[in-house]
Amino acid sequence: MDRDEYAADAIKGDDEALIARIQMDQSRLYGIAYSYMRNEADALEAIQETTFRVWNKRRTLRDPKVFTTWMTRILIRVCLDEQKKRRREQPLNNELMERDTLAATENGVDRMDLAVQLQKLPAKYRMVIVLKYYRDMTITEIAELLEKPDGTIRTWLHQALKQLRSNESYGKEGMTVEWE
């Protein structure tokens, strides 16, 4: 059976087909979850929550061809929800970490890395960067996943890269990093 056949059977209620279909995308799901959650345990927990939501809502999916996109969208929402929850629970720790990072950068002791800069971007820009450069998705695939026009995704990508370039702190003074 191919991916669409497994997805169609899963939508009809076949648990084994659902498991097989999810396993086909497990490395992609893990990569996306890890890029959002930044550690293995949280990424696996996000995948587990996504699997639960997919299992509960599988009968609502009408087109088996969009199963991967649908599941990825659920995963991204799970990750964003978890990040919001963490920000509400520990605002003091985030402020201390930002202060320490800024102090280290101002003193020239340590340079901010790309991961820290990505975390400073708005969620929509960060999402586009992660999907485009870490998950190798095309603009069209990202637009379909996020249910936005291609032009919007291109604008978000351009704005994200512009912000990353303006906050750049890599290499020697005056050097720039080419993103495209």
Protein backbone atom coordinates (compact mmCIF):
# COMPACT_ATOMS: atom_id res chain seq x y z
CA MET A 1 0.00 0.00 0.00
CA ASP A 2 1.14 3.55 -0.61
CA ARG A 3 0.91 6.60 1.64
CA ASP A 4 -2.54 7.67 0.43
CA GLU A 5 -3.99 4.19 0.88
CA TYR A 6 -2.70 4.03 4.46
CA ALA A 7 -4.11 7.50 5.11
CA ALA A 8 -7.50 6.56 3.62
CA ASP A 9 -7.67 3.43 5.79
CA ALA A 10 -6.61 5.45 8.85
CA ILE A 11 -9.38 7.97 8.22
CA LYS A 12 -11.88 5.11 8.08
CA GLY A 13 -10.74 3.93 11.52
CA ASP A 14 -7.96 1.40 10.90
CA ASP A 15 -5.56 1.89 13.83
CA GLU A 16 -2.77 -0.17 12.28
CA ALA A 17 -2.91 1.89 9.09
CA LEU A 18 -2.78 5.07 11.17
CA ILE A 19 0.32 3.88 13.01
CA ALA A 20 1.98 2.84 9.75
CA ARG A 21 1.14 6.21 8.17
CA ILE A 22 2.48 8.19 11.11
CA GLN A 23 5.69 6.14 11.08
CA MET A 24 6.24 7.10 7.44
CA ASP A 25 6.56 10.74 8.54
CA GLN A 26 8.24 10.23 11.90
CA SER A 27 11.66 11.67 10.99
CA ARG A 28 10.06 14.75 9.43
CA LEU A 29 7.83 15.24 12.49
CA TYR A 30 10.76 14.83 14.85
CA GLY A 31 12.82 17.37 12.92
CA ILE A 32 10.08 19.97 13.05
CA ALA A 33 9.32 19.30 16.72
CA TYR A 34 12.98 19.47 17.66
CA SER A 35 13.46 22.75 15.82
CA TYR A 36 10.66 24.27 17.90
CA MET A 37 11.24 22.60 21.27
CA ARG A 38 15.06 22.57 21.27
CA ASN A 39 15.46 19.28 23.14
CA GLU A 40 14.71 15.64 22.51
CA ALA A 41 12.36 15.00 25.42
CA ASP A 42 10.10 17.96 24.62
CA ALA A 43 10.14 17.11 20.91
CA LEU A 44 9.06 13.54 21.62
CA GLU A 45 6.36 14.78 23.97
CA ALA A 46 5.06 17.12 21.25
CA ILE A 47 4.98 14.22 18.78
CA GLN A 48 3.11 12.11 21.30
CA GLU A 49 0.51 14.85 21.80
CA THR A 50 0.26 15.27 18.03
CA THR A 51 -0.28 11.54 17.57
CA PHE A 52 -3.06 11.64 20.14
CA ARG A 53 -4.76 14.58 18.42
CA VAL A 54 -4.39 12.94 15.01
CA TRP A 55 -5.93 9.72 16.36
CA ASN A 56 -8.86 11.65 17.88
CA LYS A 57 -9.54 13.81 14.82
CA ARG A 58 -8.61 11.43 11.98
CA ARG A 59 -12.22 10.97 10.87
CA THR A 60 -12.55 14.72 10.26
CA LEU A 61 -9.91 14.66 7.51
CA ARG A 62 -11.58 14.40 4.13
CA ASP A 63 -8.67 14.12 1.69
CA PRO A 64 -6.05 11.44 2.41
CA LYS A 65 -3.58 13.23 0.11
CA VAL A 66 -3.14 16.05 2.63
CA PHE A 67 -2.56 13.77 5.61
CA THR A 68 1.10 14.81 6.07
CA THR A 69 0.28 18.52 5.80
CA TRP A 70 -2.62 18.14 8.21
CA MET A 71 -0.50 16.25 10.73
CA THR A 72 2.38 18.74 10.43
CA ARG A 73 0.00 21.63 11.03
CA ILE A 74 -1.24 19.91 14.19
CA LEU A 75 2.36 19.39 15.34
CA ILE A 76 3.23 23.05 14.83
CA ARG A 77 0.17 24.11 16.82
CA VAL A 78 1.13 21.71 19.63
CA CYS A 79 4.65 23.15 19.73
CA LEU A 80 3.43 26.75 19.70
CA ASP A 81 0.92 25.99 22.45
CA GLU A 82 3.66 24.46 24.59
CA GLN A 83 5.91 27.48 24.02
CA LYS A 84 3.11 29.84 25.08
CA LYS A 85 2.49 27.74 28.16
CA ARG A 86 6.17 27.89 29.12
CA ARG A 87 6.33 31.65 28.66
CA ARG A 88 3.39 32.08 31.03
CA GLU A 89 4.90 29.74 33.62
CA GLN A 90 8.46 31.04 33.67
CA PRO A 91 8.73 34.68 32.61
CA LEU A 92 11.49 35.39 35.13
CA ASN A 93 13.82 32.71 33.75
CA ASN A 94 13.41 34.03 30.20
CA GLU A 95 14.21 37.59 31.31
CA LEU A 96 17.32 36.42 33.16
CA MET A 97 18.49 34.37 30.18
CA GLU A 98 17.99 37.31 27.79
CA ARG A 99 19.85 39.65 30.15
CA ASP A 100 22.78 37.22 30.44
CA THR A 101 22.89 36.74 26.67
CA LEU A 102 22.87 40.49 26.05
CA ALA A 103 25.56 41.07 28.68
CA ALA A 104 27.79 38.40 27.17
CA THR A 105 27.33 39.87 23.70
CA GLU A 106 27.99 43.44 24.85
CA ASN A 107 31.18 42.34 26.59
CA GLY A 108 32.35 40.51 23.48
CA VAL A 109 32.78 37.34 25.57
CA ASP A 110 30.34 35.31 23.56
CA ARG A 111 28.58 35.82 20.25
CA MET A 112 24.90 34.98 19.84
CA ASP A 113 24.37 31.96 17.68
CA LEU A 114 21.71 31.50 15.06
CA ALA A 115 19.38 29.60 17.40
CA VAL A 116 19.25 32.53 19.82
CA GLN A 117 18.59 34.94 16.97
CA LEU A 118 15.82 32.71 15.62
CA GLN A 119 14.14 32.71 19.02
CA LYS A 120 13.99 36.49 18.92
CA LEU A 121 12.02 36.49 15.67
CA PRO A 122 8.22 36.64 15.74
CA ALA A 123 6.67 33.16 15.63
CA LYS A 124 5.44 33.42 12.04
CA TYR A 125 8.89 34.45 10.75
CA ARG A 126 10.64 31.77 12.81
CA MET A 127 8.23 29.16 11.48
CA VAL A 128 8.94 30.10 7.86
CA ILE A 129 12.72 30.05 8.41
CA VAL A 130 12.58 26.65 10.13
CA LEU A 131 10.38 25.09 7.47
CA LYS A 132 12.35 26.58 4.57
CA TYR A 133 15.94 26.11 5.70
CA TYR A 134 15.80 23.33 8.28
CA ARG A 135 13.06 21.17 6.73
CA ASP A 136 13.83 22.02 3.07
CA MET A 137 10.23 22.82 2.20
CA THR A 138 9.37 24.97 -0.81
CA ILE A 139 7.51 28.27 -0.54
CA THR A 140 4.44 26.58 -2.04
CA GLU A 141 4.55 23.74 0.50
CA ILE A 142 4.91 26.20 3.38
CA ALA A 143 2.02 28.30 2.03
CA GLU A 144 -0.17 25.22 1.80
CA LEU A 145 0.81 24.08 5.29
CA LEU A 146 0.13 27.46 6.88
CA GLU A 147 -2.91 28.15 4.68
CA LYS A 148 -1.48 31.45 3.45
CA PRO A 149 -0.81 32.81 -0.06
CA ASP A 150 2.65 32.27 -1.56
CA GLY A 151 3.23 36.02 -1.55
CA THR A 152 2.64 36.23 2.20
CA ILE A 153 5.16 33.46 2.84
CA ARG A 154 7.71 35.18 0.59
CA THR A 155 7.18 38.44 2.48
CA TRP A 156 7.56 36.73 5.86
CA LEU A 157 10.73 35.00 4.67
CA HIS A 158 12.15 38.27 3.36
CA GLN A 159 11.33 40.09 6.61
CA ALA A 160 12.80 37.28 8.72
CA LEU A 161 16.04 37.28 6.76
CA LYS A 162 16.18 41.07 6.95
CA GLN A 163 15.83 40.95 10.74
CA LEU A 164 18.43 38.21 11.04
CA ARG A 165 20.88 40.22 8.93
CA SER A 166 20.32 43.36 10.99
CA ASN A 167 20.96 41.45 14.24
CA GLU A 168 23.91 39.60 12.81
CA SER A 169 26.86 39.00 15.09
CA TYR A 170 28.85 36.37 13.24
CA GLY A 171 32.43 36.52 12.15
CA LYS A 172 34.64 39.59 12.01
CA GLU A 173 33.31 43.11 12.09
CA GLY A 174 31.85 44.09 8.76
CA MET A 175 31.42 40.51 7.53
CA THR A 176 28.03 39.35 6.50
CA VAL A 177 26.54 35.91 6.13
CA GLU A 178 24.75 35.11 2.89
CA TRP A 179 21.41 33.41 3.52
CA GLU A 180 20.23 32.91 -0.04
